[in-house]
């Protein structure tokens, strides 16, 4: 799946997910963007079937180019054994619908993760101490009037140095939070 999120020629726009309708697969609709321009609509009903792609009017040639680009990507080597040869991993050739599925799942997972982060960082005094993500129970970040003084006081009460997430730029705080919440599981 790494080759899906590392390429930047095919992206999605206007992704709408219906979690309540997602059963076997992610239920979604989106616009497929190829080299910065819309080429197709994508949809999946969430019942385990494949994603339907419909080329936009006048974009059939570019849609075909997008399909060819997707097919040129290295195959997805899964963590599962190949049913025909247990000594190898199951490998999936990339198609445009497979790529779109992967992108939709990655974007949706990132959105959910960011929502969780925003809830945590907005409500808790989160900090890293001794390689662990911690927070102070019963203290809401929003209720602290003088954060600078409070954070200085918090630092003096600690035996080891700490990193307070609320003092970091948002992306750096998110990356640090994610590293501690997910551990070595980036997906």
N, C-alpha and C. Protein backbone atom coordinates (compact mmCIF):
# COMPACT_ATOMS: atom_id res chain seq x y z
N UNK A 1 0.81 -1.20 0.00
CA UNK A 1 0.00 0.00 0.00
C UNK A 1 0.86 1.26 0.00
N UNK A 2 2.12 1.11 0.33
CA UNK A 2 2.97 2.29 0.42
C UNK A 2 3.09 3.01 -0.92
N UNK A 3 3.14 2.27 -2.03
CA UNK A 3 3.24 2.91 -3.35
C UNK A 3 1.97 3.68 -3.70
N UNK A 4 0.86 3.38 -3.03
CA UNK A 4 -0.38 4.10 -3.27
C UNK A 4 -0.32 5.50 -2.68
N UNK A 5 0.15 5.59 -1.46
CA UNK A 5 0.18 6.90 -0.80
C UNK A 5 1.43 7.69 -1.14
N UNK A 6 2.47 7.04 -1.68
CA UNK A 6 3.70 7.76 -2.02
C UNK A 6 3.66 8.41 -3.40
N UNK A 7 2.80 7.97 -4.27
CA UNK A 7 2.68 8.60 -5.58
C UNK A 7 1.79 9.84 -5.43
N UNK A 8 1.95 10.82 -6.29
CA UNK A 8 1.13 12.03 -6.16
C UNK A 8 0.41 12.42 -7.45
N UNK A 9 0.41 11.54 -8.43
CA UNK A 9 -0.27 11.86 -9.69
C UNK A 9 -1.77 11.62 -9.59
N UNK A 10 -2.16 10.64 -8.80
CA UNK A 10 -3.58 10.33 -8.63
C UNK A 10 -3.95 10.63 -7.18
N UNK A 11 -4.94 11.50 -7.02
CA UNK A 11 -5.41 11.88 -5.69
C UNK A 11 -6.94 11.88 -5.71
N UNK A 12 -7.51 12.13 -4.56
CA UNK A 12 -8.96 12.22 -4.46
C UNK A 12 -9.36 13.58 -3.93
N UNK A 13 -10.52 14.04 -4.37
CA UNK A 13 -11.08 15.29 -3.92
C UNK A 13 -12.55 15.02 -3.56
N UNK A 14 -13.08 15.83 -2.69
CA UNK A 14 -14.49 15.72 -2.29
C UNK A 14 -14.85 14.32 -1.77
N UNK A 15 -13.94 13.72 -1.00
CA UNK A 15 -14.22 12.40 -0.45
C UNK A 15 -15.31 12.51 0.61
N UNK A 16 -16.36 11.75 0.42
CA UNK A 16 -17.46 11.66 1.38
C UNK A 16 -17.60 10.20 1.76
N UNK A 17 -17.52 9.92 3.07
CA UNK A 17 -17.58 8.55 3.58
C UNK A 17 -18.83 8.38 4.41
N UNK A 18 -19.48 7.25 4.25
CA UNK A 18 -20.64 6.89 5.06
C UNK A 18 -20.24 5.71 5.94
N UNK A 19 -19.67 6.01 7.11
CA UNK A 19 -19.24 4.95 8.02
C UNK A 19 -20.37 3.99 8.36
N UNK A 20 -21.56 4.54 8.57
CA UNK A 20 -22.70 3.72 8.96
C UNK A 20 -23.05 2.68 7.89
N UNK A 21 -22.71 2.94 6.65
CA UNK A 21 -23.04 2.03 5.55
C UNK A 21 -21.85 1.14 5.15
N UNK A 22 -20.70 1.38 5.75
CA UNK A 22 -19.50 0.59 5.43
C UNK A 22 -19.57 -0.75 6.13
N UNK A 23 -19.59 -1.81 5.34
CA UNK A 23 -19.63 -3.16 5.90
C UNK A 23 -18.34 -3.89 5.55
N UNK A 24 -18.27 -4.44 4.38
CA UNK A 24 -17.09 -5.17 3.93
C UNK A 24 -16.00 -4.22 3.44
N UNK A 25 -16.40 -3.13 2.82
CA UNK A 25 -15.46 -2.14 2.29
C UNK A 25 -15.93 -0.76 2.73
N UNK A 26 -15.12 0.23 2.48
CA UNK A 26 -15.47 1.61 2.81
C UNK A 26 -16.54 2.11 1.85
N UNK A 27 -17.62 2.64 2.38
CA UNK A 27 -18.68 3.22 1.56
C UNK A 27 -18.32 4.69 1.32
N UNK A 28 -18.12 5.06 0.07
CA UNK A 28 -17.68 6.43 -0.21
C UNK A 28 -18.02 6.87 -1.63
N UNK A 29 -17.92 8.18 -1.82
CA UNK A 29 -17.92 8.78 -3.16
C UNK A 29 -16.76 9.78 -3.17
N UNK A 30 -16.20 10.01 -4.35
CA UNK A 30 -15.08 10.95 -4.48
C UNK A 30 -14.89 11.31 -5.95
N UNK A 31 -14.12 12.35 -6.16
CA UNK A 31 -13.68 12.73 -7.50
C UNK A 31 -12.23 12.31 -7.63
N UNK A 32 -11.90 11.62 -8.71
CA UNK A 32 -10.54 11.16 -8.97
C UNK A 32 -9.81 12.25 -9.75
N UNK A 33 -8.66 12.65 -9.21
CA UNK A 33 -7.83 13.69 -9.82
C UNK A 33 -6.57 13.04 -10.39
N UNK A 34 -6.28 13.33 -11.66
CA UNK A 34 -5.08 12.82 -12.30
C UNK A 34 -4.27 14.00 -12.80
N UNK A 35 -3.04 14.12 -12.32
CA UNK A 35 -2.17 15.25 -12.67
C UNK A 35 -2.86 16.59 -12.46
N UNK A 36 -3.59 16.69 -11.36
CA UNK A 36 -4.21 17.95 -10.98
C UNK A 36 -5.57 18.25 -11.58
N UNK A 37 -6.08 17.36 -12.44
CA UNK A 37 -7.36 17.62 -13.09
C UNK A 37 -8.34 16.47 -12.87
N UNK A 38 -9.61 16.78 -12.62
CA UNK A 38 -10.61 15.73 -12.42
C UNK A 38 -10.78 14.88 -13.68
N UNK A 39 -10.78 13.54 -13.49
CA UNK A 39 -10.96 12.64 -14.63
C UNK A 39 -12.12 11.67 -14.44
N UNK A 40 -12.55 11.47 -13.18
CA UNK A 40 -13.58 10.46 -12.95
C UNK A 40 -14.26 10.67 -11.60
N UNK A 41 -15.41 10.02 -11.47
CA UNK A 41 -16.04 9.91 -10.16
C UNK A 41 -15.84 8.47 -9.70
N UNK A 42 -15.77 8.31 -8.39
CA UNK A 42 -15.58 6.99 -7.81
C UNK A 42 -16.64 6.79 -6.75
N UNK A 43 -17.13 5.56 -6.64
CA UNK A 43 -18.09 5.26 -5.57
C UNK A 43 -17.99 3.79 -5.20
N UNK A 44 -18.28 3.52 -3.94
CA UNK A 44 -18.33 2.15 -3.45
C UNK A 44 -19.48 2.08 -2.46
N UNK A 45 -20.34 1.07 -2.58
CA UNK A 45 -21.52 0.98 -1.72
C UNK A 45 -21.21 0.38 -0.35
N UNK A 46 -19.98 -0.07 -0.14
CA UNK A 46 -19.57 -0.56 1.17
C UNK A 46 -19.96 -1.99 1.47
N UNK A 47 -20.46 -2.72 0.49
CA UNK A 47 -20.91 -4.10 0.72
C UNK A 47 -19.92 -5.15 0.22
N UNK A 48 -18.68 -4.75 -0.03
CA UNK A 48 -17.66 -5.71 -0.43
C UNK A 48 -17.37 -5.75 -1.92
N UNK A 49 -18.16 -5.07 -2.71
CA UNK A 49 -17.92 -5.04 -4.16
C UNK A 49 -16.80 -4.08 -4.50
N UNK A 50 -16.44 -4.08 -5.76
CA UNK A 50 -15.37 -3.19 -6.20
C UNK A 50 -15.87 -1.75 -6.33
N UNK A 51 -14.93 -0.85 -6.39
CA UNK A 51 -15.23 0.56 -6.56
C UNK A 51 -15.56 0.83 -8.02
N UNK A 52 -16.64 1.57 -8.24
CA UNK A 52 -17.05 1.94 -9.59
C UNK A 52 -16.39 3.27 -9.97
N UNK A 53 -15.79 3.27 -11.13
CA UNK A 53 -15.17 4.48 -11.65
C UNK A 53 -15.89 4.87 -12.93
N UNK A 54 -16.23 6.14 -13.05
CA UNK A 54 -16.92 6.63 -14.22
C UNK A 54 -16.15 7.85 -14.75
N UNK A 55 -15.62 7.71 -15.94
CA UNK A 55 -14.86 8.82 -16.53
C UNK A 55 -15.79 10.02 -16.70
N UNK A 56 -15.28 11.19 -16.39
CA UNK A 56 -16.05 12.42 -16.59
C UNK A 56 -16.17 12.71 -18.09
N UNK A 57 -17.19 13.43 -18.45
CA UNK A 57 -17.41 13.76 -19.85
C UNK A 57 -16.18 14.48 -20.42
N UNK A 58 -15.71 13.98 -21.55
CA UNK A 58 -14.56 14.58 -22.23
C UNK A 58 -13.22 14.17 -21.63
N UNK A 59 -13.22 13.27 -20.64
CA UNK A 59 -11.98 12.88 -19.98
C UNK A 59 -11.59 11.42 -20.21
N UNK A 60 -12.21 10.79 -21.20
CA UNK A 60 -11.96 9.37 -21.44
C UNK A 60 -10.49 9.07 -21.70
N UNK A 61 -9.81 9.88 -22.49
CA UNK A 61 -8.39 9.64 -22.80
C UNK A 61 -7.53 9.81 -21.55
N UNK A 62 -7.80 10.87 -20.80
CA UNK A 62 -7.02 11.09 -19.55
C UNK A 62 -7.32 10.00 -18.52
N UNK A 63 -8.56 9.52 -18.50
CA UNK A 63 -8.94 8.42 -17.61
C UNK A 63 -8.13 7.17 -17.98
N UNK A 64 -8.00 6.91 -19.27
CA UNK A 64 -7.21 5.77 -19.74
C UNK A 64 -5.75 5.94 -19.35
N UNK A 65 -5.24 7.17 -19.42
CA UNK A 65 -3.86 7.46 -18.97
C UNK A 65 -3.72 7.17 -17.48
N UNK A 66 -4.71 7.56 -16.70
CA UNK A 66 -4.69 7.32 -15.25
C UNK A 66 -4.68 5.82 -14.98
N UNK A 67 -5.47 5.06 -15.72
CA UNK A 67 -5.48 3.60 -15.56
C UNK A 67 -4.09 3.02 -15.87
N UNK A 68 -3.48 3.50 -16.94
CA UNK A 68 -2.15 3.02 -17.33
C UNK A 68 -1.12 3.38 -16.27
N UNK A 69 -1.21 4.60 -15.73
CA UNK A 69 -0.28 4.99 -14.67
C UNK A 69 -0.43 4.07 -13.46
N UNK A 70 -1.67 3.83 -13.04
CA UNK A 70 -1.91 2.97 -11.87
C UNK A 70 -1.33 1.58 -12.12
N UNK A 71 -1.53 1.06 -13.30
CA UNK A 71 -1.03 -0.28 -13.64
C UNK A 71 0.50 -0.33 -13.67
N UNK A 72 1.15 0.82 -13.85
CA UNK A 72 2.61 0.86 -13.90
C UNK A 72 3.25 0.88 -12.51
N UNK A 73 2.45 1.09 -11.49
CA UNK A 73 2.98 1.12 -10.12
C UNK A 73 3.41 -0.29 -9.70
N UNK A 74 4.39 -0.37 -8.81
CA UNK A 74 4.80 -1.70 -8.32
C UNK A 74 3.63 -2.38 -7.61
N UNK A 75 3.56 -3.69 -7.68
CA UNK A 75 2.45 -4.40 -7.03
C UNK A 75 2.47 -4.21 -5.51
N UNK A 76 1.33 -4.42 -4.89
CA UNK A 76 1.19 -4.35 -3.45
C UNK A 76 1.52 -5.72 -2.88
N UNK A 77 2.60 -5.81 -2.12
CA UNK A 77 2.99 -7.06 -1.49
C UNK A 77 2.38 -7.05 -0.10
N UNK A 78 1.40 -7.91 0.12
CA UNK A 78 0.67 -7.92 1.39
C UNK A 78 1.44 -8.69 2.46
N UNK A 79 0.91 -8.69 3.65
CA UNK A 79 1.51 -9.44 4.76
C UNK A 79 1.03 -10.89 4.78
N UNK A 80 0.13 -11.24 3.87
CA UNK A 80 -0.46 -12.57 3.84
C UNK A 80 0.32 -13.52 2.95
N UNK A 81 0.25 -14.81 3.29
CA UNK A 81 0.89 -15.83 2.45
C UNK A 81 0.14 -15.95 1.13
N UNK A 82 0.91 -16.22 0.08
CA UNK A 82 0.33 -16.51 -1.23
C UNK A 82 -0.32 -17.89 -1.13
N UNK A 83 -1.61 -18.02 -1.45
CA UNK A 83 -2.27 -19.32 -1.31
C UNK A 83 -1.68 -20.39 -2.23
N UNK A 84 -1.01 -19.98 -3.30
CA UNK A 84 -0.41 -20.95 -4.23
C UNK A 84 1.03 -21.30 -3.87
N UNK A 85 1.66 -20.47 -3.03
CA UNK A 85 3.05 -20.71 -2.65
C UNK A 85 3.28 -20.06 -1.29
N UNK A 86 3.17 -20.84 -0.24
CA UNK A 86 3.25 -20.33 1.14
C UNK A 86 4.60 -19.68 1.47
N UNK A 87 5.61 -19.90 0.65
CA UNK A 87 6.92 -19.29 0.91
C UNK A 87 6.97 -17.84 0.42
N UNK A 88 5.92 -17.40 -0.26
CA UNK A 88 5.88 -16.03 -0.78
C UNK A 88 4.71 -15.28 -0.17
N UNK A 89 4.74 -13.97 -0.30
CA UNK A 89 3.64 -13.12 0.15
C UNK A 89 2.65 -12.93 -0.98
N UNK A 90 1.38 -12.77 -0.62
CA UNK A 90 0.33 -12.53 -1.60
C UNK A 90 0.55 -11.16 -2.21
N UNK A 91 0.56 -11.08 -3.53
CA UNK A 91 0.87 -9.85 -4.25
C UNK A 91 -0.33 -9.46 -5.11
N UNK A 92 -0.65 -8.16 -5.08
CA UNK A 92 -1.79 -7.65 -5.84
C UNK A 92 -1.29 -6.63 -6.86
N UNK A 93 -1.61 -6.85 -8.13
CA UNK A 93 -1.28 -5.86 -9.16
C UNK A 93 -2.17 -4.64 -8.96
N UNK A 94 -1.59 -3.46 -9.12
CA UNK A 94 -2.33 -2.22 -8.90
C UNK A 94 -3.20 -1.91 -10.11
N UNK A 95 -4.44 -1.59 -9.84
CA UNK A 95 -5.37 -1.10 -10.85
C UNK A 95 -5.87 0.25 -10.35
N UNK A 96 -6.52 1.00 -11.19
CA UNK A 96 -7.00 2.31 -10.78
C UNK A 96 -8.03 2.19 -9.65
N UNK A 97 -8.95 1.24 -9.72
CA UNK A 97 -9.93 1.12 -8.65
C UNK A 97 -9.28 0.68 -7.34
N UNK A 98 -8.26 -0.16 -7.40
CA UNK A 98 -7.52 -0.57 -6.19
C UNK A 98 -6.80 0.63 -5.59
N UNK A 99 -6.19 1.43 -6.45
CA UNK A 99 -5.49 2.64 -6.01
C UNK A 99 -6.46 3.62 -5.35
N UNK A 100 -7.61 3.83 -5.96
CA UNK A 100 -8.63 4.73 -5.42
C UNK A 100 -9.12 4.23 -4.06
N UNK A 101 -9.36 2.91 -3.96
CA UNK A 101 -9.76 2.33 -2.67
C UNK A 101 -8.71 2.62 -1.59
N UNK A 102 -7.47 2.39 -1.94
CA UNK A 102 -6.38 2.62 -0.99
C UNK A 102 -6.29 4.07 -0.55
N UNK A 103 -6.42 4.98 -1.52
CA UNK A 103 -6.38 6.41 -1.20
C UNK A 103 -7.56 6.81 -0.31
N UNK A 104 -8.75 6.33 -0.64
CA UNK A 104 -9.94 6.65 0.17
C UNK A 104 -9.76 6.15 1.59
N UNK A 105 -9.28 4.94 1.75
CA UNK A 105 -9.06 4.39 3.09
C UNK A 105 -7.99 5.17 3.85
N UNK A 106 -6.92 5.55 3.18
CA UNK A 106 -5.84 6.30 3.83
C UNK A 106 -6.32 7.69 4.26
N UNK A 107 -7.04 8.37 3.38
CA UNK A 107 -7.55 9.71 3.71
C UNK A 107 -8.54 9.62 4.86
N UNK A 108 -9.44 8.63 4.81
CA UNK A 108 -10.44 8.47 5.87
C UNK A 108 -9.77 8.15 7.21
N UNK A 109 -8.80 7.26 7.20
CA UNK A 109 -8.08 6.92 8.44
C UNK A 109 -7.36 8.14 8.99
N UNK A 110 -6.74 8.94 8.11
CA UNK A 110 -6.05 10.15 8.56
C UNK A 110 -7.03 11.15 9.17
N UNK A 111 -8.19 11.30 8.56
CA UNK A 111 -9.21 12.21 9.11
C UNK A 111 -9.64 11.78 10.50
N UNK A 112 -9.87 10.48 10.67
CA UNK A 112 -10.30 9.97 11.97
C UNK A 112 -9.20 10.17 13.01
N UNK A 113 -7.97 9.94 12.61
CA UNK A 113 -6.83 10.12 13.51
C UNK A 113 -6.68 11.59 13.90
N UNK A 114 -6.83 12.48 12.93
CA UNK A 114 -6.72 13.91 13.22
C UNK A 114 -7.85 14.39 14.13
N UNK A 115 -9.04 13.83 13.95
CA UNK A 115 -10.16 14.18 14.82
C UNK A 115 -9.85 13.77 16.25
N UNK A 116 -9.32 12.57 16.42
CA UNK A 116 -8.95 12.08 17.74
C UNK A 116 -7.85 12.95 18.35
N UNK A 117 -6.86 13.30 17.54
CA UNK A 117 -5.78 14.18 18.02
C UNK A 117 -6.33 15.53 18.45
N UNK A 118 -7.16 16.13 17.60
CA UNK A 118 -7.71 17.46 17.93
C UNK A 118 -8.51 17.42 19.23
N UNK A 119 -9.24 16.35 19.44
CA UNK A 119 -10.00 16.20 20.68
C UNK A 119 -9.04 16.10 21.88
N UNK A 120 -8.00 15.27 21.73
CA UNK A 120 -7.03 15.11 22.82
C UNK A 120 -6.26 16.39 23.11
N UNK A 121 -5.70 16.98 22.07
CA UNK A 121 -4.83 18.15 22.28
C UNK A 121 -5.63 19.37 22.73
N UNK A 122 -6.91 19.41 22.40
CA UNK A 122 -7.73 20.54 22.83
C UNK A 122 -8.26 20.41 24.24
N UNK A 123 -8.32 19.18 24.74
CA UNK A 123 -8.92 18.95 26.06
C UNK A 123 -7.93 18.55 27.15
N UNK A 124 -6.74 18.11 26.79
CA UNK A 124 -5.80 17.59 27.78
C UNK A 124 -4.47 18.31 27.71
N UNK A 125 -3.78 18.36 28.83
CA UNK A 125 -2.40 18.84 28.86
C UNK A 125 -1.54 17.60 28.56
N UNK A 126 -1.22 17.43 27.28
CA UNK A 126 -0.44 16.27 26.82
C UNK A 126 1.04 16.59 26.84
N UNK A 127 1.84 15.65 27.31
CA UNK A 127 3.28 15.84 27.28
C UNK A 127 3.99 14.50 27.16
N UNK A 128 5.22 14.56 26.68
CA UNK A 128 6.05 13.38 26.53
C UNK A 128 7.07 13.41 27.65
N UNK A 129 7.09 12.31 28.41
CA UNK A 129 8.06 12.19 29.50
C UNK A 129 8.61 10.77 29.47
N UNK A 130 9.92 10.67 29.44
CA UNK A 130 10.57 9.37 29.48
C UNK A 130 10.05 8.46 28.35
N UNK A 131 9.81 9.05 27.16
CA UNK A 131 9.37 8.28 26.00
C UNK A 131 7.91 7.87 26.01
N UNK A 132 7.12 8.41 26.94
CA UNK A 132 5.70 8.05 27.03
C UNK A 132 4.83 9.30 26.90
N UNK A 133 3.68 9.11 26.25
CA UNK A 133 2.69 10.18 26.13
C UNK A 133 1.83 10.16 27.40
N UNK A 134 1.82 11.27 28.11
CA UNK A 134 1.08 11.37 29.37
C UNK A 134 0.17 12.59 29.34
N UNK A 135 -0.76 12.64 30.29
CA UNK A 135 -1.58 13.83 30.48
C UNK A 135 -1.93 13.93 31.96
N UNK A 136 -2.33 15.13 32.35
CA UNK A 136 -2.69 15.36 33.75
C UNK A 136 -4.19 15.20 33.89
N UNK A 137 -4.57 14.22 34.66
CA UNK A 137 -5.99 13.91 34.84
C UNK A 137 -6.69 15.07 35.54
N UNK A 138 -7.86 15.42 35.01
CA UNK A 138 -8.69 16.44 35.63
C UNK A 138 -8.36 17.87 35.24
N UNK A 139 -7.31 18.08 34.47
CA UNK A 139 -6.94 19.43 34.03
C UNK A 139 -7.26 19.57 32.55
N UNK A 140 -8.11 20.52 32.23
CA UNK A 140 -8.46 20.79 30.83
C UNK A 140 -7.59 21.94 30.32
N UNK A 141 -6.99 21.72 29.18
CA UNK A 141 -6.11 22.72 28.58
C UNK A 141 -6.84 24.05 28.37
N UNK A 142 -8.10 23.97 27.95
CA UNK A 142 -8.86 25.19 27.67
C UNK A 142 -9.11 26.03 28.92
N UNK A 143 -9.04 25.39 30.08
CA UNK A 143 -9.32 26.10 31.34
C UNK A 143 -8.09 26.81 31.90
N UNK A 144 -6.94 26.60 31.31
CA UNK A 144 -5.71 27.23 31.82
C UNK A 144 -5.59 28.62 31.21
N UNK A 145 -5.67 29.63 32.07
CA UNK A 145 -5.62 31.02 31.61
C UNK A 145 -4.20 31.42 31.21
N UNK A 146 -3.23 31.13 32.05
CA UNK A 146 -1.84 31.51 31.79
C UNK A 146 -1.04 30.24 31.51
N UNK A 147 -1.07 29.80 30.27
CA UNK A 147 -0.42 28.55 29.90
C UNK A 147 1.09 28.60 30.10
N UNK A 148 1.70 29.72 29.78
CA UNK A 148 3.15 29.83 29.90
C UNK A 148 3.59 29.56 31.33
N UNK A 149 2.94 30.17 32.28
CA UNK A 149 3.27 29.97 33.70
C UNK A 149 2.95 28.55 34.13
N UNK A 150 1.80 28.03 33.71
CA UNK A 150 1.40 26.67 34.07
C UNK A 150 2.41 25.66 33.53
N UNK A 151 2.82 25.81 32.26
CA UNK A 151 3.76 24.88 31.66
C UNK A 151 5.13 24.97 32.34
N UNK A 152 5.57 26.17 32.71
CA UNK A 152 6.84 26.34 33.43
C UNK A 152 6.77 25.62 34.78
N UNK A 153 5.64 25.76 35.46
CA UNK A 153 5.45 25.09 36.75
C UNK A 153 5.44 23.57 36.57
N UNK A 154 4.81 23.11 35.53
CA UNK A 154 4.76 21.67 35.24
C UNK A 154 6.16 21.13 35.01
N UNK A 155 6.96 21.87 34.29
CA UNK A 155 8.34 21.44 34.01
C UNK A 155 9.16 21.33 35.29
N UNK A 156 9.00 22.28 36.19
CA UNK A 156 9.79 22.26 37.43
C UNK A 156 9.40 21.09 38.34
N UNK A 157 8.18 20.59 38.20
CA UNK A 157 7.74 19.47 39.03
C UNK A 157 8.20 18.11 38.49
N UNK A 158 8.81 18.09 37.31
CA UNK A 158 9.22 16.84 36.69
C UNK A 158 10.70 16.56 36.95
N UNK A 159 11.02 15.30 37.16
CA UNK A 159 12.41 14.90 37.38
C UNK A 159 13.18 14.88 36.05
N UNK A 160 12.49 14.54 34.96
CA UNK A 160 13.12 14.49 33.65
C UNK A 160 12.54 15.60 32.78
N UNK A 161 13.27 15.95 31.71
CA UNK A 161 12.73 16.95 30.78
C UNK A 161 11.45 16.42 30.12
N UNK A 162 10.54 17.31 29.80
CA UNK A 162 9.29 16.93 29.13
C UNK A 162 9.09 17.80 27.90
N UNK A 163 8.29 17.28 26.97
CA UNK A 163 7.89 18.03 25.79
C UNK A 163 6.37 18.19 25.87
N UNK A 164 5.92 19.42 25.94
CA UNK A 164 4.48 19.70 26.04
C UNK A 164 3.94 19.94 24.64
N UNK A 165 2.98 19.12 24.23
CA UNK A 165 2.47 19.17 22.86
C UNK A 165 1.82 20.51 22.53
N UNK A 166 1.17 21.15 23.48
CA UNK A 166 0.49 22.42 23.22
C UNK A 166 1.47 23.54 22.88
N UNK A 167 2.75 23.35 23.15
CA UNK A 167 3.76 24.37 22.84
C UNK A 167 4.37 24.16 21.46
N UNK A 168 4.07 23.06 20.82
CA UNK A 168 4.66 22.74 19.51
C UNK A 168 3.77 23.24 18.38
N UNK A 169 4.35 23.43 17.19
CA UNK A 169 3.53 23.72 16.01
C UNK A 169 2.57 22.54 15.80
N UNK A 170 1.35 22.80 15.30
CA UNK A 170 0.34 21.74 15.18
C UNK A 170 0.79 20.46 14.47
N UNK A 171 1.48 20.59 13.34
CA UNK A 171 1.91 19.38 12.61
C UNK A 171 2.94 18.58 13.39
N UNK A 172 3.86 19.28 14.05
CA UNK A 172 4.87 18.59 14.86
C UNK A 172 4.21 17.89 16.05
N UNK A 173 3.24 18.56 16.68
CA UNK A 173 2.51 17.95 17.80
C UNK A 173 1.74 16.73 17.31
N UNK A 174 1.10 16.83 16.15
CA UNK A 174 0.35 15.70 15.59
C UNK A 174 1.27 14.52 15.32
N UNK A 175 2.42 14.77 14.69
CA UNK A 175 3.35 13.69 14.37
C UNK A 175 3.85 13.00 15.64
N UNK A 176 4.16 13.77 16.65
CA UNK A 176 4.63 13.21 17.92
C UNK A 176 3.52 12.42 18.61
N UNK A 177 2.32 12.98 18.64
CA UNK A 177 1.16 12.30 19.23
C UNK A 177 0.90 10.98 18.51
N UNK A 178 0.90 11.04 17.17
CA UNK A 178 0.63 9.86 16.35
C UNK A 178 1.68 8.77 16.61
N UNK A 179 2.92 9.17 16.71
CA UNK A 179 4.01 8.23 16.96
C UNK A 179 3.77 7.48 18.27
N UNK A 180 3.30 8.18 19.28
CA UNK A 180 3.08 7.55 20.58
C UNK A 180 1.76 6.78 20.65
N UNK A 181 0.75 7.24 19.96
CA UNK A 181 -0.55 6.56 19.97
C UNK A 181 -0.52 5.29 19.11
N UNK A 182 0.08 5.40 17.93
CA UNK A 182 0.11 4.26 17.01
C UNK A 182 1.30 3.35 17.24
N UNK A 183 2.34 3.87 17.85
CA UNK A 183 3.56 3.08 18.03
C UNK A 183 4.20 2.81 16.68
N UNK A 184 4.50 1.55 16.43
CA UNK A 184 5.14 1.22 15.15
C UNK A 184 4.14 0.76 14.10
N UNK A 185 2.85 1.11 14.30
CA UNK A 185 1.79 0.74 13.34
C UNK A 185 1.34 2.00 12.60
N UNK A 186 2.01 2.43 11.52
CA UNK A 186 1.64 3.67 10.86
C UNK A 186 0.28 3.64 10.18
N UNK A 187 -0.28 2.48 9.87
CA UNK A 187 -1.57 2.42 9.17
C UNK A 187 -2.70 2.22 10.15
